[in-house]
PDB file of all heavy atoms in Angstrom:
ATOM      1  N   VAL A   1      98.479 104.296  95.763  1.00  0.00           N
ATOM      2  CA  VAL A   1      98.305 104.137  97.213  1.00  0.00           C
ATOM      3  C   VAL A   1      99.154 105.189  97.929  1.00  0.00           C
ATOM      4  O   VAL A   1     100.360 105.010  98.104  1.00  0.00           O
ATOM      5  CB  VAL A   1      98.697 102.728  97.687  1.00  0.00           C
ATOM      6  CG1 VAL A   1      98.560 102.612  99.204  1.00  0.00           C
ATOM      7  CG2 VAL A   1      97.835 101.671  96.999  1.00  0.00           C
ATOM      8  N   PRO A   2      98.548 106.315  98.340  1.00  0.00           N
ATOM      9  CA  PRO A   2      99.282 107.302  99.134  1.00  0.00           C
ATOM     10  C   PRO A   2      99.458 106.798 100.562  1.00  0.00           C
ATOM     11  O   PRO A   2      98.583 106.116 101.106  1.00  0.00           O
ATOM     12  CB  PRO A   2      98.374 108.535  99.092  1.00  0.00           C
ATOM     13  CG  PRO A   2      97.001 107.973  98.883  1.00  0.00           C
ATOM     14  CD  PRO A   2      97.168 106.726  98.070  1.00  0.00           C
ATOM     15  N   MET A   3     100.592 107.135 101.158  1.00  0.00           N
ATOM     16  CA  MET A   3     100.897 106.679 102.516  1.00  0.00           C
ATOM     17  C   MET A   3     101.525 107.823 103.295  1.00  0.00           C
ATOM     18  O   MET A   3     102.565 108.350 102.902  1.00  0.00           O
ATOM     19  CB  MET A   3     101.867 105.500 102.491  1.00  0.00           C
ATOM     20  CG  MET A   3     101.511 104.403 101.521  1.00  0.00           C
ATOM     21  SD  MET A   3     102.749 103.082 101.513  1.00  0.00           S
ATOM     22  CE  MET A   3     102.312 102.233 103.013  1.00  0.00           C
ATOM     23  N   ILE A   4     100.893 108.203 104.401  1.00  0.00           N
ATOM     24  CA  ILE A   4     101.431 109.235 105.275  1.00  0.00           C
ATOM     25  C   ILE A   4     101.895 108.562 106.558  1.00  0.00           C
ATOM     26  O   ILE A   4     101.138 107.830 107.198  1.00  0.00           O
ATOM     27  CB  ILE A   4     100.374 110.310 105.580  1.00  0.00           C
ATOM     28  CG1 ILE A   4      99.993 111.032 104.281  1.00  0.00           C
ATOM     29  CG2 ILE A   4     100.876 111.302 106.623  1.00  0.00           C
ATOM     30  CD1 ILE A   4      98.829 111.981 104.434  1.00  0.00           C
ATOM     31  N   ASP A   5     103.131 108.784 106.928  1.00  0.00           N
ATOM     32  CA  ASP A   5     103.710 108.149 108.105  1.00  0.00           C
ATOM     33  C   ASP A   5     102.956 108.566 109.360  1.00  0.00           C
ATOM     34  O   ASP A   5     102.749 109.749 109.615  1.00  0.00           O
ATOM     35  CB  ASP A   5     105.184 108.545 108.230  1.00  0.00           C
ATOM     36  CG  ASP A   5     105.950 107.675 109.204  1.00  0.00           C
ATOM     37  OD1 ASP A   5     105.311 106.909 109.950  1.00  0.00           O
ATOM     38  OD2 ASP A   5     107.188 107.768 109.231  1.00  0.00           O
ATOM     39  N   ALA A   6     102.540 107.582 110.141  1.00  0.00           N
ATOM     40  CA  ALA A   6     101.826 107.855 111.396  1.00  0.00           C
ATOM     41  C   ALA A   6     102.564 107.255 112.588  1.00  0.00           C
ATOM     42  O   ALA A   6     101.968 106.863 113.570  1.00  0.00           O
ATOM     43  CB  ALA A   6     100.409 107.291 111.335  1.00  0.00           C
ATOM     44  N   ARG A   7     103.879 107.141 112.464  1.00  0.00           N
ATOM     45  CA  ARG A   7     104.765 106.631 113.518  1.00  0.00           C
ATOM     46  C   ARG A   7     104.685 105.113 113.637  1.00  0.00           C
ATOM     47  O   ARG A   7     103.699 104.506 113.269  1.00  0.00           O
ATOM     48  CB  ARG A   7     104.482 107.291 114.866  1.00  0.00           C
ATOM     49  CG  ARG A   7     104.698 108.811 114.859  1.00  0.00           C
ATOM     50  CD  ARG A   7     104.444 109.390 116.229  1.00  0.00           C
ATOM     51  NE  ARG A   7     104.601 110.839 116.221  1.00  0.00           N
ATOM     52  CZ  ARG A   7     104.405 111.622 117.283  1.00  0.00           C
ATOM     53  NH1 ARG A   7     104.044 111.087 118.436  1.00  0.00           N
ATOM     54  NH2 ARG A   7     104.561 112.931 117.189  1.00  0.00           N
ATOM     55  N   ARG A   8     105.731 104.553 114.191  1.00  0.00           N
ATOM     56  CA  ARG A   8     105.895 103.109 114.318  1.00  0.00           C
ATOM     57  C   ARG A   8     105.582 102.447 112.971  1.00  0.00           C
ATOM     58  O   ARG A   8     106.098 102.858 111.958  1.00  0.00           O
ATOM     59  CB  ARG A   8     105.043 102.571 115.465  1.00  0.00           C
ATOM     60  CG  ARG A   8     105.448 103.152 116.829  1.00  0.00           C
ATOM     61  CD  ARG A   8     104.636 102.539 117.972  1.00  0.00           C
ATOM     62  NE  ARG A   8     105.065 103.081 119.262  1.00  0.00           N
ATOM     63  CZ  ARG A   8     104.599 104.189 119.805  1.00  0.00           C
ATOM     64  NH1 ARG A   8     103.636 104.883 119.184  1.00  0.00           N
ATOM     65  NH2 ARG A   8     105.048 104.625 120.971  1.00  0.00           N
ATOM     66  N   MET A   9     104.747 101.438 112.941  1.00  0.00           N
ATOM     67  CA  MET A   9     104.430 100.766 111.685  1.00  0.00           C
ATOM     68  C   MET A   9     103.052 101.148 111.163  1.00  0.00           C
ATOM     69  O   MET A   9     102.466 100.424 110.355  1.00  0.00           O
ATOM     70  CB  MET A   9     104.519  99.245 111.864  1.00  0.00           C
ATOM     71  CG  MET A   9     105.926  98.738 112.063  1.00  0.00           C
ATOM     72  SD  MET A   9     107.074  99.299 110.746  1.00  0.00           S
ATOM     73  CE  MET A   9     106.397  98.457 109.326  1.00  0.00           C
ATOM     74  N   GLU A  10     102.537 102.286 111.580  1.00  0.00           N
ATOM     75  CA  GLU A  10     101.218 102.724 111.144  1.00  0.00           C
ATOM     76  C   GLU A  10     101.334 103.812 110.086  1.00  0.00           C
ATOM     77  O   GLU A  10     102.258 104.639 110.123  1.00  0.00           O
ATOM     78  CB  GLU A  10     100.401 103.227 112.333  1.00  0.00           C
ATOM     79  CG  GLU A  10      98.942 103.486 112.006  1.00  0.00           C
ATOM     80  CD  GLU A  10      98.113 103.808 113.241  1.00  0.00           C
ATOM     81  OE1 GLU A  10      98.688 104.341 114.211  1.00  0.00           O
ATOM     82  OE2 GLU A  10      96.909 103.537 113.229  1.00  0.00           O
ATOM     83  N   VAL A  11     100.391 103.814 109.167  1.00  0.00           N
ATOM     84  CA  VAL A  11     100.296 104.860 108.154  1.00  0.00           C
ATOM     85  C   VAL A  11      98.844 105.284 108.006  1.00  0.00           C
ATOM     86  O   VAL A  11      97.923 104.542 108.356  1.00  0.00           O
ATOM     87  CB  VAL A  11     100.827 104.384 106.778  1.00  0.00           C
ATOM     88  CG1 VAL A  11     102.310 104.110 106.821  1.00  0.00           C
ATOM     89  CG2 VAL A  11     100.051 103.167 106.273  1.00  0.00           C
ATOM     90  N   TYR A  12      98.651 106.501 107.487  1.00  0.00           N
ATOM     91  CA  TYR A  12      97.345 106.922 106.992  1.00  0.00           C
ATOM     92  C   TYR A  12      97.371 106.642 105.495  1.00  0.00           C
ATOM     93  O   TYR A  12      98.295 107.062 104.792  1.00  0.00           O
ATOM     94  CB  TYR A  12      97.108 108.406 107.245  1.00  0.00           C
ATOM     95  CG  TYR A  12      97.191 108.802 108.701  1.00  0.00           C
ATOM     96  CD1 TYR A  12      98.054 109.822 109.112  1.00  0.00           C
ATOM     97  CD2 TYR A  12      96.418 108.167 109.659  1.00  0.00           C
ATOM     98  CE1 TYR A  12      98.138 110.192 110.442  1.00  0.00           C
ATOM     99  CE2 TYR A  12      96.501 108.531 110.995  1.00  0.00           C
ATOM    100  CZ  TYR A  12      97.359 109.545 111.380  1.00  0.00           C
ATOM    101  OH  TYR A  12      97.444 109.904 112.703  1.00  0.00           O
ATOM    102  N   THR A  13      96.384 105.942 105.001  1.00  0.00           N
ATOM    103  CA  THR A  13      96.473 105.482 103.624  1.00  0.00           C
ATOM    104  C   THR A  13      95.103 105.361 102.971  1.00  0.00           C
ATOM    105  O   THR A  13      94.066 105.490 103.631  1.00  0.00           O
ATOM    106  CB  THR A  13      97.213 104.120 103.580  1.00  0.00           C
ATOM    107  OG1 THR A  13      97.469 103.748 102.230  1.00  0.00           O
ATOM    108  CG2 THR A  13      96.388 103.026 104.254  1.00  0.00           C
ATOM    109  N   ALA A  14      95.115 105.126 101.681  1.00  0.00           N
ATOM    110  CA  ALA A  14      93.914 104.889 100.877  1.00  0.00           C
ATOM    111  C   ALA A  14      94.403 104.317  99.558  1.00  0.00           C
ATOM    112  O   ALA A  14      95.607 104.086  99.375  1.00  0.00           O
ATOM    113  CB  ALA A  14      93.133 106.182 100.659  1.00  0.00           C
ATOM    114  N   ALA A  15      93.492 104.073  98.643  1.00  0.00           N
ATOM    115  CA  ALA A  15      93.882 103.639  97.296  1.00  0.00           C
ATOM    116  C   ALA A  15      92.909 104.245  96.291  1.00  0.00           C
ATOM    117  O   ALA A  15      91.691 104.284  96.543  1.00  0.00           O
ATOM    118  CB  ALA A  15      93.878 102.113  97.192  1.00  0.00           C
ATOM    119  N   TYR A  16      93.460 104.741  95.174  1.00  0.00           N
ATOM    120  CA  TYR A  16      92.653 105.411  94.159  1.00  0.00           C
ATOM    121  C   TYR A  16      93.039 104.909  92.769  1.00  0.00           C
ATOM    122  O   TYR A  16      94.190 104.528  92.526  1.00  0.00           O
ATOM    123  CB  TYR A  16      92.890 106.933  94.194  1.00  0.00           C
ATOM    124  CG  TYR A  16      92.582 107.588  95.508  1.00  0.00           C
ATOM    125  CD1 TYR A  16      93.580 107.771  96.464  1.00  0.00           C
ATOM    126  CD2 TYR A  16      91.302 108.045  95.805  1.00  0.00           C
ATOM    127  CE1 TYR A  16      93.304 108.387  97.682  1.00  0.00           C
ATOM    128  CE2 TYR A  16      91.015 108.658  97.018  1.00  0.00           C
ATOM    129  CZ  TYR A  16      92.020 108.820  97.952  1.00  0.00           C
ATOM    130  OH  TYR A  16      91.748 109.433  99.159  1.00  0.00           O
ATOM    131  N   ASP A  17      92.068 104.937  91.860  1.00  0.00           N
ATOM    132  CA  ASP A  17      92.400 104.724  90.456  1.00  0.00           C
ATOM    133  C   ASP A  17      92.724 106.081  89.835  1.00  0.00           C
ATOM    134  O   ASP A  17      92.746 107.105  90.524  1.00  0.00           O
ATOM    135  CB  ASP A  17      91.278 103.994  89.718  1.00  0.00           C
ATOM    136  CG  ASP A  17      89.966 104.787  89.680  1.00  0.00           C
ATOM    137  OD1 ASP A  17      89.974 106.018  89.903  1.00  0.00           O
ATOM    138  OD2 ASP A  17      88.919 104.164  89.426  1.00  0.00           O
ATOM    139  N   PHE A  18      92.958 106.113  88.533  1.00  0.00           N
ATOM    140  CA  PHE A  18      93.382 107.358  87.894  1.00  0.00           C
ATOM    141  C   PHE A  18      92.242 108.347  87.706  1.00  0.00           C
ATOM    142  O   PHE A  18      92.458 109.474  87.245  1.00  0.00           O
ATOM    143  CB  PHE A  18      94.075 107.053  86.559  1.00  0.00           C
ATOM    144  CG  PHE A  18      95.568 106.942  86.686  1.00  0.00           C
ATOM    145  CD1 PHE A  18      96.129 106.020  87.550  1.00  0.00           C
ATOM    146  CD2 PHE A  18      96.403 107.767  85.959  1.00  0.00           C
ATOM    147  CE1 PHE A  18      97.502 105.911  87.678  1.00  0.00           C
ATOM    148  CE2 PHE A  18      97.782 107.677  86.085  1.00  0.00           C
ATOM    149  CZ  PHE A  18      98.337 106.745  86.946  1.00  0.00           C
ATOM    150  N   ALA A  19      91.038 107.971  88.061  1.00  0.00           N
ATOM    151  CA  ALA A  19      89.912 108.908  88.074  1.00  0.00           C
ATOM    152  C   ALA A  19      89.666 109.426  89.492  1.00  0.00           C
ATOM    153  O   ALA A  19      88.676 110.108  89.742  1.00  0.00           O
ATOM    154  CB  ALA A  19      88.653 108.233  87.534  1.00  0.00           C
ATOM    155  N   LEU A  20      90.582 109.093  90.401  1.00  0.00           N
ATOM    156  CA  LEU A  20      90.487 109.436  91.822  1.00  0.00           C
ATOM    157  C   LEU A  20      89.267 108.813  92.492  1.00  0.00           C
ATOM    158  O   LEU A  20      88.753 109.340  93.482  1.00  0.00           O
ATOM    159  CB  LEU A  20      90.478 110.959  92.037  1.00  0.00           C
ATOM    160  CG  LEU A  20      91.845 111.633  92.118  1.00  0.00           C
ATOM    161  CD1 LEU A  20      91.676 113.111  92.498  1.00  0.00           C
ATOM    162  CD2 LEU A  20      92.785 110.965  93.113  1.00  0.00           C
ATOM    163  N   GLU A  21      88.805 107.696  91.952  1.00  0.00           N
ATOM    164  CA  GLU A  21      87.757 106.924  92.613  1.00  0.00           C
ATOM    165  C   GLU A  21      88.413 106.030  93.671  1.00  0.00           C
ATOM    166  O   GLU A  21      89.469 105.440  93.427  1.00  0.00           O
ATOM    167  CB  GLU A  21      86.996 106.066  91.605  1.00  0.00           C
ATOM    168  CG  GLU A  21      86.220 106.861  90.573  1.00  0.00           C
ATOM    169  CD  GLU A  21      85.070 107.639  91.173  1.00  0.00           C
ATOM    170  OE1 GLU A  21      84.530 107.188  92.217  1.00  0.00           O
ATOM    171  OE2 GLU A  21      84.705 108.693  90.620  1.00  0.00           O
ATOM    172  N   GLU A  22      87.775 105.928  94.832  1.00  0.00           N
ATOM    173  CA  GLU A  22      88.364 105.154  95.919  1.00  0.00           C
ATOM    174  C   GLU A  22      88.316 103.647  95.622  1.00  0.00           C
ATOM    175  O   GLU A  22      87.260 103.099  95.337  1.00  0.00           O
ATOM    176  CB  GLU A  22      87.625 105.425  97.236  1.00  0.00           C
ATOM    177  CG  GLU A  22      87.870 106.810  97.789  1.00  0.00           C
ATOM    178  CD  GLU A  22      87.153 107.023  99.116  1.00  0.00           C
ATOM    179  OE1 GLU A  22      86.498 106.066  99.599  1.00  0.00           O
ATOM    180  OE2 GLU A  22      87.245 108.135  99.665  1.00  0.00           O
ATOM    181  N   VAL A  23      89.462 103.014  95.688  1.00  0.00           N
ATOM    182  CA  VAL A  23      89.558 101.558  95.627  1.00  0.00           C
ATOM    183  C   VAL A  23      89.647 101.003  97.046  1.00  0.00           C
ATOM    184  O   VAL A  23      89.182  99.907  97.321  1.00  0.00           O
ATOM    185  CB  VAL A  23      90.786 101.134  94.797  1.00  0.00           C
ATOM    186  CG1 VAL A  23      90.916  99.610  94.749  1.00  0.00           C
ATOM    187  CG2 VAL A  23      90.723 101.717  93.384  1.00  0.00           C
ATOM    188  N   MET A  24      90.227 101.794  97.927  1.00  0.00           N
ATOM    189  CA  MET A  24      90.272 101.488  99.359  1.00  0.00           C
ATOM    190  C   MET A  24      90.018 102.783 100.113  1.00  0.00           C
ATOM    191  O   MET A  24      90.618 103.813  99.807  1.00  0.00           O
ATOM    192  CB  MET A  24      91.629 100.902  99.756  1.00  0.00           C
ATOM    193  CG  MET A  24      91.711 100.443 101.205  1.00  0.00           C
ATOM    194  SD  MET A  24      93.293  99.619 101.581  1.00  0.00           S
ATOM    195  CE  MET A  24      94.358 101.051 101.772  1.00  0.00           C
ATOM    196  N   THR A  25      89.092 102.763 101.056  1.00  0.00           N
ATOM    197  CA  THR A  25      88.721 103.990 101.758  1.00  0.00           C
ATOM    198  C   THR A  25      89.868 104.498 102.626  1.00  0.00           C
ATOM    199  O   THR A  25      90.675 103.709 103.123  1.00  0.00           O
ATOM    200  CB  THR A  25      87.489 103.758 102.647  1.00  0.00           C
ATOM    201  OG1 THR A  25      87.787 102.710 103.589  1.00  0.00           O
ATOM    202  CG2 THR A  25      86.286 103.363 101.811  1.00  0.00           C
ATOM    203  N   PRO A  26      89.974 105.818 102.818  1.00  0.00           N
ATOM    204  CA  PRO A  26      91.004 106.375 103.698  1.00  0.00           C
ATOM    205  C   PRO A  26      90.883 105.809 105.107  1.00  0.00           C
ATOM    206  O   PRO A  26      89.784 105.720 105.659  1.00  0.00           O
ATOM    207  CB  PRO A  26      90.704 107.880 103.674  1.00  0.00           C
ATOM    208  CG  PRO A  26      90.006 108.106 102.372  1.00  0.00           C
ATOM    209  CD  PRO A  26      89.180 106.870 102.150  1.00  0.00           C
ATOM    210  N   GLN A  27      92.034 105.444 105.691  1.00  0.00           N
ATOM    211  CA  GLN A  27      92.033 104.790 106.995  1.00  0.00           C
ATOM    212  C   GLN A  27      93.429 104.771 107.596  1.00  0.00           C
ATOM    213  O   GLN A  27      94.421 104.807 106.872  1.00  0.00           O
ATOM    214  CB  GLN A  27      91.541 103.352 106.855  1.00  0.00           C
ATOM    215  CG  GLN A  27      92.400 102.494 105.931  1.00  0.00           C
ATOM    216  CD  GLN A  27      91.792 101.148 105.643  1.00  0.00           C
ATOM    217  OE1 GLN A  27      91.961 100.210 106.414  1.00  0.00           O
ATOM    218  NE2 GLN A  27      91.057 101.058 104.522  1.00  0.00           N
ATOM    219  N   PRO A  28      93.513 104.694 108.927  1.00  0.00           N
ATOM    220  CA  PRO A  28      94.804 104.389 109.546  1.00  0.00           C
ATOM    221  C   PRO A  28      95.032 102.883 109.428  1.00  0.00           C
ATOM    222  O   PRO A  28      94.108 102.092 109.578  1.00  0.00           O
ATOM    223  CB  PRO A  28      94.614 104.824 110.998  1.00  0.00           C
ATOM    224  CG  PRO A  28      93.149 104.733 111.232  1.00  0.00           C
ATOM    225  CD  PRO A  28      92.468 104.991 109.913  1.00  0.00           C
ATOM    226  N   LEU A  29      96.266 102.485 109.151  1.00  0.00           N
ATOM    227  CA  LEU A  29      96.541 101.068 108.898  1.00  0.00           C
ATOM    228  C   LEU A  29      97.911 100.693 109.459  1.00  0.00           C
ATOM    229  O   LEU A  29      98.902 101.389 109.213  1.00  0.00           O
ATOM    230  CB  LEU A  29      96.523 100.814 107.390  1.00  0.00           C
ATOM    231  CG  LEU A  29      96.714  99.375 106.916  1.00  0.00           C
ATOM    232  CD1 LEU A  29      95.518  98.521 107.319  1.00  0.00           C
ATOM    233  CD2 LEU A  29      96.902  99.348 105.395  1.00  0.00           C
ATOM    234  N   ILE A  30      97.953  99.608 110.211  1.00  0.00           N
ATOM    235  CA  ILE A  30      99.216  99.066 110.693  1.00  0.00           C
ATOM    236  C   ILE A  30      99.762  98.121 109.632  1.00  0.00           C
ATOM    237  O   ILE A  30      99.099  97.181 109.220  1.00  0.00           O
ATOM    238  CB  ILE A  30      99.035  98.337 112.038  1.00  0.00           C
ATOM    239  CG1 ILE A  30      98.576  99.341 113.111  1.00  0.00           C
ATOM    240  CG2 ILE A  30     100.334  97.658 112.471  1.00  0.00           C
ATOM    241  CD1 ILE A  30      98.259  98.723 114.439  1.00  0.00           C
ATOM    242  N   LEU A  31     100.981  98.388 109.195  1.00  0.00           N
ATOM    243  CA  LEU A  31     101.544  97.661 108.066  1.00  0.00           C
ATOM    244  C   LEU A  31     101.997  96.256 108.439  1.00  0.00           C
ATOM    245  O   LEU A  31     102.662  96.054 109.456  1.00  0.00           O
ATOM    246  CB  LEU A  31     102.729  98.434 107.500  1.00  0.00           C
ATOM    247  CG  LEU A  31     102.420  99.798 106.869  1.00  0.00           C
ATOM    248  CD1 LEU A  31     103.714 100.503 106.485  1.00  0.00           C
ATOM    249  CD2 LEU A  31     101.517  99.644 105.656  1.00  0.00           C
ATOM    250  N   ASP A  32     101.624  95.306 107.601  1.00  0.00           N
ATOM    251  CA  ASP A  32     102.178  93.958 107.655  1.00  0.00           C
ATOM    252  C   ASP A  32     102.111  93.378 106.253  1.00  0.00           C
ATOM    253  O   ASP A  32     101.716  94.064 105.297  1.00  0.00           O
ATOM    254  CB  ASP A  32     101.448  93.081 108.678  1.00  0.00           C
ATOM    255  CG  ASP A  32      99.963  92.922 108.391  1.00  0.00           C
ATOM    256  OD1 ASP A  32      99.586  92.894 107.199  1.00  0.00           O
ATOM    257  OD2 ASP A  32      99.172  92.828 109.344  1.00  0.00           O
ATOM    258  N   SER A  33     102.479  92.134 106.093  1.00  0.00           N
ATOM    259  CA  SER A  33     102.558  91.532 104.762  1.00  0.00           C
ATOM    260  C   SER A  33     101.202  91.436 104.066  1.00  0.00           C
ATOM    261  O   SER A  33     101.131  91.324 102.846  1.00  0.00           O
ATOM    262  CB  SER A  33     103.188  90.142 104.855  1.00  0.00           C
ATOM    263  OG  SER A  33     102.411  89.297 105.688  1.00  0.00           O
TER     264      SER A  33
END
């Protein structure tokens, strides 16, 4: 899960397996539990 800081509690993120297949599509996301 790569995470690029987008200020405050938001990040640009996605999720990939080891074949670089998307498990979660790239998106801006406000972090919570």
